[in-house]
PDB file of all heavy atoms in Angstrom:
ATOM      1  N   ALA A   1       0.824  -1.210   0.000  1.00  0.00           N
ATOM      2  CA  ALA A   1       0.000   0.000   0.000  1.00  0.00           C
ATOM      3  C   ALA A   1       0.855   1.256   0.000  1.00  0.00           C
ATOM      4  O   ALA A   1       0.547   2.241  -0.695  1.00  0.00           O
ATOM      5  CB  ALA A   1      -0.928  -0.007   1.213  1.00  0.00           C
ATOM      6  N   ILE A   2       1.948   1.246   0.761  1.00  0.00           N
ATOM      7  CA  ILE A   2       2.823   2.421   0.826  1.00  0.00           C
ATOM      8  C   ILE A   2       3.475   2.675  -0.524  1.00  0.00           C
ATOM      9  O   ILE A   2       3.456   3.794  -1.050  1.00  0.00           O
ATOM     10  CB  ILE A   2       3.887   2.246   1.928  1.00  0.00           C
ATOM     11  CG1 ILE A   2       3.234   2.228   3.312  1.00  0.00           C
ATOM     12  CG2 ILE A   2       4.933   3.360   1.844  1.00  0.00           C
ATOM     13  CD1 ILE A   2       4.169   1.816   4.430  1.00  0.00           C
ATOM     14  N   VAL A   3       4.051   1.630  -1.101  1.00  0.00           N
ATOM     15  CA  VAL A   3       4.731   1.791  -2.385  1.00  0.00           C
ATOM     16  C   VAL A   3       3.719   2.101  -3.488  1.00  0.00           C
ATOM     17  O   VAL A   3       3.949   2.970  -4.344  1.00  0.00           O
ATOM     18  CB  VAL A   3       5.553   0.534  -2.721  1.00  0.00           C
ATOM     19  CG1 VAL A   3       6.142   0.639  -4.122  1.00  0.00           C
ATOM     20  CG2 VAL A   3       6.661   0.345  -1.690  1.00  0.00           C
ATOM     21  N   GLY A   4       2.572   1.432  -3.460  1.00  0.00           N
ATOM     22  CA  GLY A   4       1.550   1.694  -4.468  1.00  0.00           C
ATOM     23  C   GLY A   4       1.052   3.123  -4.428  1.00  0.00           C
ATOM     24  O   GLY A   4       0.709   3.701  -5.462  1.00  0.00           O
ATOM     25  N   GLY A   5       1.019   3.706  -3.224  1.00  0.00           N
ATOM     26  CA  GLY A   5       0.572   5.084  -3.076  1.00  0.00           C
ATOM     27  C   GLY A   5       1.486   6.099  -3.725  1.00  0.00           C
ATOM     28  O   GLY A   5       1.095   7.263  -3.907  1.00  0.00           O
ATOM     29  N   LEU A   6       2.708   5.693  -4.093  1.00  0.00           N
ATOM     30  CA  LEU A   6       3.641   6.608  -4.744  1.00  0.00           C
ATOM     31  C   LEU A   6       3.389   6.701  -6.247  1.00  0.00           C
ATOM     32  O   LEU A   6       3.948   7.582  -6.921  1.00  0.00           O
ATOM     33  CB  LEU A   6       5.081   6.133  -4.503  1.00  0.00           C
ATOM     34  CG  LEU A   6       5.520   6.053  -3.040  1.00  0.00           C
ATOM     35  CD1 LEU A   6       6.926   5.484  -2.945  1.00  0.00           C
ATOM     36  CD2 LEU A   6       5.451   7.421  -2.371  1.00  0.00           C
ATOM     37  N   ASN A   7       2.562   5.792  -6.772  1.00  0.00           N
ATOM     38  CA  ASN A   7       2.199   5.806  -8.197  1.00  0.00           C
ATOM     39  C   ASN A   7       3.414   5.745  -9.118  1.00  0.00           C
ATOM     40  O   ASN A   7       3.475   6.424 -10.149  1.00  0.00           O
ATOM     41  CB  ASN A   7       1.355   7.043  -8.525  1.00  0.00           C
ATOM     42  CG  ASN A   7       0.026   7.037  -7.798  1.00  0.00           C
ATOM     43  OD1 ASN A   7      -0.674   6.029  -7.784  1.00  0.00           O
ATOM     44  ND2 ASN A   7      -0.316   8.150  -7.175  1.00  0.00           N
ATOM     45  N   ILE A   8       4.368   4.898  -8.756  1.00  0.00           N
ATOM     46  CA  ILE A   8       5.548   4.680  -9.593  1.00  0.00           C
ATOM     47  C   ILE A   8       5.327   3.410 -10.417  1.00  0.00           C
ATOM     48  O   ILE A   8       5.046   2.353  -9.839  1.00  0.00           O
ATOM     49  CB  ILE A   8       6.812   4.512  -8.722  1.00  0.00           C
ATOM     50  CG1 ILE A   8       7.035   5.733  -7.834  1.00  0.00           C
ATOM     51  CG2 ILE A   8       8.033   4.284  -9.606  1.00  0.00           C
ATOM     52  CD1 ILE A   8       8.120   5.530  -6.786  1.00  0.00           C
ATOM     53  N   PRO A   9       5.431   3.464 -11.739  1.00  0.00           N
ATOM     54  CA  PRO A   9       5.293   2.239 -12.539  1.00  0.00           C
ATOM     55  C   PRO A   9       6.310   1.197 -12.095  1.00  0.00           C
ATOM     56  O   PRO A   9       7.463   1.517 -11.781  1.00  0.00           O
ATOM     57  CB  PRO A   9       5.584   2.712 -13.964  1.00  0.00           C
ATOM     58  CG  PRO A   9       5.314   4.186 -13.945  1.00  0.00           C
ATOM     59  CD  PRO A   9       5.691   4.650 -12.575  1.00  0.00           C
ATOM     60  N   VAL A  10       5.896  -0.058 -12.072  1.00  0.00           N
ATOM     61  CA  VAL A  10       6.751  -1.110 -11.527  1.00  0.00           C
ATOM     62  C   VAL A  10       8.076  -1.204 -12.271  1.00  0.00           C
ATOM     63  O   VAL A  10       9.118  -1.512 -11.666  1.00  0.00           O
ATOM     64  CB  VAL A  10       6.006  -2.470 -11.525  1.00  0.00           C
ATOM     65  CG1 VAL A  10       5.753  -2.960 -12.937  1.00  0.00           C
ATOM     66  CG2 VAL A  10       6.759  -3.503 -10.705  1.00  0.00           C
ATOM     67  N   GLU A  11       8.076  -0.900 -13.565  1.00  0.00           N
ATOM     68  CA  GLU A  11       9.308  -1.013 -14.343  1.00  0.00           C
ATOM     69  C   GLU A  11      10.330   0.067 -13.987  1.00  0.00           C
ATOM     70  O   GLU A  11      11.482  -0.007 -14.442  1.00  0.00           O
ATOM     71  CB  GLU A  11       9.013  -0.987 -15.841  1.00  0.00           C
ATOM     72  CG  GLU A  11       8.350   0.260 -16.352  1.00  0.00           C
ATOM     73  CD  GLU A  11       6.816   0.187 -16.292  1.00  0.00           C
ATOM     74  OE1 GLU A  11       6.278  -0.704 -15.600  1.00  0.00           O
ATOM     75  OE2 GLU A  11       6.175   1.038 -16.958  1.00  0.00           O
ATOM     76  N   ARG A  12       9.942   1.042 -13.171  1.00  0.00           N
ATOM     77  CA  ARG A  12      10.902   2.060 -12.731  1.00  0.00           C
ATOM     78  C   ARG A  12      11.584   1.685 -11.424  1.00  0.00           C
ATOM     79  O   ARG A  12      12.360   2.475 -10.875  1.00  0.00           O
ATOM     80  CB  ARG A  12      10.215   3.418 -12.593  1.00  0.00           C
ATOM     81  CG  ARG A  12       9.882   4.059 -13.945  1.00  0.00           C
ATOM     82  CD  ARG A  12       9.371   5.459 -13.771  1.00  0.00           C
ATOM     83  NE  ARG A  12      10.360   6.344 -13.154  1.00  0.00           N
ATOM     84  CZ  ARG A  12      10.073   7.521 -12.618  1.00  0.00           C
ATOM     85  NH1 ARG A  12       8.812   7.955 -12.614  1.00  0.00           N
ATOM     86  NH2 ARG A  12      11.020   8.260 -12.078  1.00  0.00           N
ATOM     87  N   PHE A  13      11.334   0.497 -10.945  1.00  0.00           N
ATOM     88  CA  PHE A  13      12.068   0.003  -9.775  1.00  0.00           C
ATOM     89  C   PHE A  13      13.260  -0.818 -10.244  1.00  0.00           C
ATOM     90  O   PHE A  13      13.124  -1.754 -11.040  1.00  0.00           O
ATOM     91  CB  PHE A  13      11.154  -0.843  -8.884  1.00  0.00           C
ATOM     92  CG  PHE A  13      10.197  -0.024  -8.080  1.00  0.00           C
ATOM     93  CD1 PHE A  13       8.940   0.282  -8.568  1.00  0.00           C
ATOM     94  CD2 PHE A  13      10.551   0.477  -6.838  1.00  0.00           C
ATOM     95  CE1 PHE A  13       8.050   1.056  -7.843  1.00  0.00           C
ATOM     96  CE2 PHE A  13       9.679   1.252  -6.095  1.00  0.00           C
ATOM     97  CZ  PHE A  13       8.423   1.536  -6.593  1.00  0.00           C
ATOM     98  N   ALA A  14      14.445  -0.460  -9.751  1.00  0.00           N
ATOM     99  CA  ALA A  14      15.671  -1.150 -10.142  1.00  0.00           C
ATOM    100  C   ALA A  14      15.799  -2.473  -9.392  1.00  0.00           C
ATOM    101  O   ALA A  14      15.485  -2.557  -8.203  1.00  0.00           O
ATOM    102  CB  ALA A  14      16.884  -0.265  -9.835  1.00  0.00           C
ATOM    103  N   THR A  15      16.268  -3.483 -10.088  1.00  0.00           N
ATOM    104  CA  THR A  15      16.553  -4.772  -9.467  1.00  0.00           C
ATOM    105  C   THR A  15      18.020  -4.784  -9.051  1.00  0.00           C
ATOM    106  O   THR A  15      18.909  -4.508  -9.854  1.00  0.00           O
ATOM    107  CB  THR A  15      16.260  -5.921 -10.449  1.00  0.00           C
ATOM    108  OG1 THR A  15      14.871  -5.865 -10.797  1.00  0.00           O
ATOM    109  CG2 THR A  15      16.569  -7.276  -9.830  1.00  0.00           C
ATOM    110  N   ILE A  16      18.265  -5.099  -7.777  1.00  0.00           N
ATOM    111  CA  ILE A  16      19.600  -5.013  -7.193  1.00  0.00           C
ATOM    112  C   ILE A  16      20.048  -6.414  -6.786  1.00  0.00           C
ATOM    113  O   ILE A  16      19.386  -7.065  -5.968  1.00  0.00           O
ATOM    114  CB  ILE A  16      19.602  -4.094  -5.951  1.00  0.00           C
ATOM    115  CG1 ILE A  16      18.995  -2.718  -6.285  1.00  0.00           C
ATOM    116  CG2 ILE A  16      21.000  -3.971  -5.360  1.00  0.00           C
ATOM    117  CD1 ILE A  16      19.761  -1.929  -7.299  1.00  0.00           C
ATOM    118  N   VAL A  17      21.157  -6.886  -7.348  1.00  0.00           N
ATOM    119  CA  VAL A  17      21.673  -8.228  -7.032  1.00  0.00           C
ATOM    120  C   VAL A  17      23.138  -8.108  -6.638  1.00  0.00           C
ATOM    121  O   VAL A  17      23.980  -7.679  -7.437  1.00  0.00           O
ATOM    122  CB  VAL A  17      21.527  -9.184  -8.230  1.00  0.00           C
ATOM    123  CG1 VAL A  17      22.087 -10.556  -7.885  1.00  0.00           C
ATOM    124  CG2 VAL A  17      20.063  -9.290  -8.657  1.00  0.00           C
ATOM    125  N   HIS A  18      23.457  -8.486  -5.400  1.00  0.00           N
ATOM    126  CA  HIS A  18      24.837  -8.407  -4.921  1.00  0.00           C
ATOM    127  C   HIS A  18      25.733  -9.337  -5.738  1.00  0.00           C
ATOM    128  O   HIS A  18      25.305 -10.431  -6.136  1.00  0.00           O
ATOM    129  CB  HIS A  18      24.899  -8.788  -3.433  1.00  0.00           C
ATOM    130  CG  HIS A  18      26.192  -8.399  -2.799  1.00  0.00           C
ATOM    131  ND1 HIS A  18      27.315  -9.193  -2.847  1.00  0.00           N
ATOM    132  CD2 HIS A  18      26.546  -7.289  -2.098  1.00  0.00           C
ATOM    133  CE1 HIS A  18      28.302  -8.603  -2.204  1.00  0.00           C
ATOM    134  NE2 HIS A  18      27.863  -7.441  -1.747  1.00  0.00           N
ATOM    135  N   PRO A  19      26.979  -8.940  -5.982  1.00  0.00           N
ATOM    136  CA  PRO A  19      27.882  -9.770  -6.788  1.00  0.00           C
ATOM    137  C   PRO A  19      28.121 -11.171  -6.215  1.00  0.00           C
ATOM    138  O   PRO A  19      28.469 -12.092  -6.971  1.00  0.00           O
ATOM    139  CB  PRO A  19      29.189  -8.967  -6.808  1.00  0.00           C
ATOM    140  CG  PRO A  19      28.801  -7.569  -6.498  1.00  0.00           C
ATOM    141  CD  PRO A  19      27.584  -7.640  -5.629  1.00  0.00           C
ATOM    142  N   THR A  20      27.950 -11.354  -4.907  1.00  0.00           N
ATOM    143  CA  THR A  20      28.200 -12.674  -4.323  1.00  0.00           C
ATOM    144  C   THR A  20      26.976 -13.589  -4.365  1.00  0.00           C
ATOM    145  O   THR A  20      27.063 -14.761  -3.992  1.00  0.00           O
ATOM    146  CB  THR A  20      28.650 -12.545  -2.856  1.00  0.00           C
ATOM    147  OG1 THR A  20      27.606 -11.915  -2.093  1.00  0.00           O
ATOM    148  CG2 THR A  20      29.939 -11.739  -2.746  1.00  0.00           C
ATOM    149  N   ALA A  21      25.817 -13.081  -4.790  1.00  0.00           N
ATOM    150  CA  ALA A  21      24.614 -13.916  -4.877  1.00  0.00           C
ATOM    151  C   ALA A  21      24.772 -14.924  -6.012  1.00  0.00           C
ATOM    152  O   ALA A  21      25.374 -14.634  -7.047  1.00  0.00           O
ATOM    153  CB  ALA A  21      23.387 -13.048  -5.103  1.00  0.00           C
ATOM    154  N   SER A  22      24.203 -16.103  -5.809  1.00  0.00           N
ATOM    155  CA  SER A  22      24.221 -17.150  -6.831  1.00  0.00           C
ATOM    156  C   SER A  22      22.791 -17.383  -7.307  1.00  0.00           C
ATOM    157  O   SER A  22      21.947 -17.847  -6.540  1.00  0.00           O
ATOM    158  CB  SER A  22      24.796 -18.449  -6.251  1.00  0.00           C
ATOM    159  OG  SER A  22      24.720 -19.504  -7.192  1.00  0.00           O
ATOM    160  N   ILE A  23      22.522 -17.051  -8.565  1.00  0.00           N
ATOM    161  CA  ILE A  23      21.167 -17.121  -9.098  1.00  0.00           C
ATOM    162  C   ILE A  23      21.159 -17.984 -10.354  1.00  0.00           C
ATOM    163  O   ILE A  23      21.899 -17.713 -11.314  1.00  0.00           O
ATOM    164  CB  ILE A  23      20.623 -15.715  -9.401  1.00  0.00           C
ATOM    165  CG1 ILE A  23      20.597 -14.872  -8.120  1.00  0.00           C
ATOM    166  CG2 ILE A  23      19.228 -15.791 -10.013  1.00  0.00           C
ATOM    167  CD1 ILE A  23      20.134 -13.463  -8.313  1.00  0.00           C
ATOM    168  N   SER A  24      20.345 -19.020 -10.355  1.00  0.00           N
ATOM    169  CA  SER A  24      20.240 -19.905 -11.509  1.00  0.00           C
ATOM    170  C   SER A  24      19.803 -19.125 -12.745  1.00  0.00           C
ATOM    171  O   SER A  24      18.979 -18.202 -12.659  1.00  0.00           O
ATOM    172  CB  SER A  24      19.230 -21.013 -11.214  1.00  0.00           C
ATOM    173  OG  SER A  24      18.918 -21.739 -12.393  1.00  0.00           O
ATOM    174  N   SER A  25      20.317 -19.539 -13.893  1.00  0.00           N
ATOM    175  CA  SER A  25      19.919 -18.906 -15.150  1.00  0.00           C
ATOM    176  C   SER A  25      18.449 -19.157 -15.473  1.00  0.00           C
ATOM    177  O   SER A  25      17.855 -18.430 -16.277  1.00  0.00           O
ATOM    178  CB  SER A  25      20.793 -19.422 -16.296  1.00  0.00           C
ATOM    179  OG  SER A  25      20.653 -20.829 -16.442  1.00  0.00           O
ATOM    180  N   SER A  26      17.852 -20.162 -14.826  1.00  0.00           N
ATOM    181  CA  SER A  26      16.438 -20.450 -15.066  1.00  0.00           C
ATOM    182  C   SER A  26      15.519 -19.769 -14.064  1.00  0.00           C
ATOM    183  O   SER A  26      14.296 -19.875 -14.174  1.00  0.00           O
ATOM    184  CB  SER A  26      16.198 -21.966 -15.038  1.00  0.00           C
ATOM    185  OG  SER A  26      16.484 -22.498 -13.751  1.00  0.00           O
ATOM    186  N   ALA A  27      16.091 -19.083 -13.072  1.00  0.00           N
ATOM    187  CA  ALA A  27      15.284 -18.349 -12.093  1.00  0.00           C
ATOM    188  C   ALA A  27      14.864 -17.009 -12.676  1.00  0.00           C
ATOM    189  O   ALA A  27      15.511 -16.470 -13.578  1.00  0.00           O
ATOM    190  CB  ALA A  27      16.073 -18.144 -10.811  1.00  0.00           C
ATOM    191  N   THR A  28      13.781 -16.440 -12.152  1.00  0.00           N
ATOM    192  CA  THR A  28      13.348 -15.111 -12.579  1.00  0.00           C
ATOM    193  C   THR A  28      13.249 -14.202 -11.360  1.00  0.00           C
ATOM    194  O   THR A  28      12.785 -14.619 -10.298  1.00  0.00           O
ATOM    195  CB  THR A  28      11.986 -15.150 -13.298  1.00  0.00           C
ATOM    196  OG1 THR A  28      11.005 -15.742 -12.444  1.00  0.00           O
ATOM    197  CG2 THR A  28      12.079 -15.960 -14.582  1.00  0.00           C
ATOM    198  N   ILE A  29      13.685 -12.956 -11.542  1.00  0.00           N
ATOM    199  CA  ILE A  29      13.721 -11.973 -10.461  1.00  0.00           C
ATOM    200  C   ILE A  29      12.936 -10.754 -10.915  1.00  0.00           C
ATOM    201  O   ILE A  29      13.178 -10.213 -12.000  1.00  0.00           O
ATOM    202  CB  ILE A  29      15.175 -11.548 -10.132  1.00  0.00           C
ATOM    203  CG1 ILE A  29      16.078 -12.775  -9.916  1.00  0.00           C
ATOM    204  CG2 ILE A  29      15.196 -10.633  -8.912  1.00  0.00           C
ATOM    205  CD1 ILE A  29      15.706 -13.620  -8.737  1.00  0.00           C
ATOM    206  N   GLY A  30      11.994 -10.286 -10.085  1.00  0.00           N
ATOM    207  CA  GLY A  30      11.108  -9.210 -10.463  1.00  0.00           C
ATOM    208  C   GLY A  30      11.724  -7.828 -10.354  1.00  0.00           C
ATOM    209  O   GLY A  30      12.822  -7.638  -9.819  1.00  0.00           O
ATOM    210  N   PHE A  31      10.971  -6.841 -10.843  1.00  0.00           N
ATOM    211  CA  PHE A  31      11.377  -5.444 -10.720  1.00  0.00           C
ATOM    212  C   PHE A  31      11.476  -5.057  -9.246  1.00  0.00           C
ATOM    213  O   PHE A  31      10.618  -5.419  -8.434  1.00  0.00           O
ATOM    214  CB  PHE A  31      10.356  -4.524 -11.399  1.00  0.00           C
ATOM    215  CG  PHE A  31      10.318  -4.633 -12.893  1.00  0.00           C
ATOM    216  CD1 PHE A  31       9.253  -5.260 -13.527  1.00  0.00           C
ATOM    217  CD2 PHE A  31      11.331  -4.100 -13.668  1.00  0.00           C
ATOM    218  CE1 PHE A  31       9.195  -5.346 -14.912  1.00  0.00           C
ATOM    219  CE2 PHE A  31      11.290  -4.183 -15.055  1.00  0.00           C
ATOM    220  CZ  PHE A  31      10.223  -4.809 -15.673  1.00  0.00           C
ATOM    221  N   GLY A  32      12.510  -4.296  -8.907  1.00  0.00           N
ATOM    222  CA  GLY A  32      12.636  -3.772  -7.559  1.00  0.00           C
ATOM    223  C   GLY A  32      13.057  -4.782  -6.520  1.00  0.00           C
ATOM    224  O   GLY A  32      13.148  -4.441  -5.331  1.00  0.00           O
ATOM    225  N   ALA A  33      13.326  -6.024  -6.914  1.00  0.00           N
ATOM    226  CA  ALA A  33      13.815  -7.007  -5.950  1.00  0.00           C
ATOM    227  C   ALA A  33      15.241  -6.634  -5.535  1.00  0.00           C
ATOM    228  O   ALA A  33      16.020  -6.120  -6.338  1.00  0.00           O
ATOM    229  CB  ALA A  33      13.787  -8.408  -6.543  1.00  0.00           C
ATOM    230  N   VAL A  34      15.565  -6.904  -4.275  1.00  0.00           N
ATOM    231  CA  VAL A  34      16.914  -6.661  -3.759  1.00  0.00           C
ATOM    232  C   VAL A  34      17.440  -7.979  -3.214  1.00  0.00           C
ATOM    233  O   VAL A  34      16.853  -8.553  -2.286  1.00  0.00           O
ATOM    234  CB  VAL A  34      16.920  -5.585  -2.662  1.00  0.00           C
ATOM    235  CG1 VAL A  34      18.338  -5.381  -2.131  1.00  0.00           C
ATOM    236  CG2 VAL A  34      16.362  -4.274  -3.198  1.00  0.00           C
ATOM    237  N   ILE A  35      18.535  -8.460  -3.785  1.00  0.00           N
ATOM    238  CA  ILE A  35      19.139  -9.731  -3.409  1.00  0.00           C
ATOM    239  C   ILE A  35      20.496  -9.418  -2.782  1.00  0.00           C
ATOM    240  O   ILE A  35      21.410  -8.948  -3.461  1.00  0.00           O
ATOM    241  CB  ILE A  35      19.310 -10.654  -4.638  1.00  0.00           C
ATOM    242  CG1 ILE A  35      18.025 -10.697  -5.487  1.00  0.00           C
ATOM    243  CG2 ILE A  35      19.754 -12.033  -4.192  1.00  0.00           C
ATOM    244  CD1 ILE A  35      16.815 -11.248  -4.779  1.00  0.00           C
ATOM    245  N   HIS A  36      20.635  -9.704  -1.496  1.00  0.00           N
ATOM    246  CA  HIS A  36      21.841  -9.321  -0.756  1.00  0.00           C
ATOM    247  C   HIS A  36      22.938 -10.383  -0.836  1.00  0.00           C
ATOM    248  O   HIS A  36      22.829 -11.354  -1.599  1.00  0.00           O
ATOM    249  CB  HIS A  36      21.466  -9.023   0.697  1.00  0.00           C
ATOM    250  CG  HIS A  36      20.814  -7.692   0.888  1.00  0.00           C
ATOM    251  ND1 HIS A  36      21.494  -6.492   0.789  1.00  0.00           N
ATOM    252  CD2 HIS A  36      19.530  -7.366   1.178  1.00  0.00           C
ATOM    253  CE1 HIS A  36      20.669  -5.492   1.026  1.00  0.00           C
ATOM    254  NE2 HIS A  36      19.464  -5.993   1.254  1.00  0.00           N
ATOM    255  N   GLN A  37      23.960 -10.228  -0.001  1.00  0.00           N
ATOM    256  CA  GLN A  37      25.155 -11.053  -0.063  1.00  0.00           C
ATOM    257  C   GLN A  37      24.877 -12.543   0.155  1.00  0.00           C
ATOM    258  O   GLN A  37      24.120 -12.922   1.042  1.00  0.00           O
ATOM    259  CB  GLN A  37      26.181 -10.604   1.001  1.00  0.00           C
ATOM    260  CG  GLN A  37      26.734  -9.221   0.799  1.00  0.00           C
ATOM    261  CD  GLN A  37      25.969  -8.151   1.545  1.00  0.00           C
ATOM    262  OE1 GLN A  37      24.763  -8.280   1.768  1.00  0.00           O
ATOM    263  NE2 GLN A  37      26.664  -7.098   1.947  1.00  0.00           N
ATOM    264  N   ASN A  38      25.532 -13.367  -0.665  1.00  0.00           N
ATOM    265  CA  ASN A  38      25.581 -14.823  -0.478  1.00  0.00           C
ATOM    266  C   ASN A  38      24.214 -15.498  -0.522  1.00  0.00           C
ATOM    267  O   ASN A  38      24.049 -16.596   0.018  1.00  0.00           O
ATOM    268  CB  ASN A  38      26.298 -15.171   0.830  1.00  0.00           C
ATOM    269  CG  ASN A  38      27.705 -14.604   0.868  1.00  0.00           C
ATOM    270  OD1 ASN A  38      28.477 -14.784  -0.064  1.00  0.00           O
ATOM    271  ND2 ASN A  38      28.024 -13.898   1.944  1.00  0.00           N
ATOM    272  N   VAL A  39      23.252 -14.874  -1.149  1.00  0.00           N
ATOM    273  CA  VAL A  39      21.947 -15.509  -1.348  1.00  0.00           C
ATOM    274  C   VAL A  39      22.073 -16.548  -2.464  1.00  0.00           C
ATOM    275  O   VAL A  39      22.781 -16.334  -3.453  1.00  0.00           O
ATOM    276  CB  VAL A  39      20.885 -14.453  -1.718  1.00  0.00           C
ATOM    277  CG1 VAL A  39      19.602 -15.097  -2.207  1.00  0.00           C
ATOM    278  CG2 VAL A  39      20.613 -13.551  -0.522  1.00  0.00           C
ATOM    279  N   ALA A  40      21.378 -17.685  -2.300  1.00  0.00           N
ATOM    280  CA  ALA A  40      21.312 -18.700  -3.353  1.00  0.00           C
ATOM    281  C   ALA A  40      19.867 -18.832  -3.835  1.00  0.00           C
ATOM    282  O   ALA A  40      18.953 -19.034  -3.020  1.00  0.00           O
ATOM    283  CB  ALA A  40      21.815 -20.041  -2.851  1.00  0.00           C
TER     284      ALA A  40
END
């Protein structure tokens, strides 16, 4: 509700993935997701 109230289109949220995260090439990550250190 808080984020929706800002009326920002979802595609204007940056996706942030730490360099140490391990993400499968078959996985999908949404707009505005933040993936921190050493996440698998």
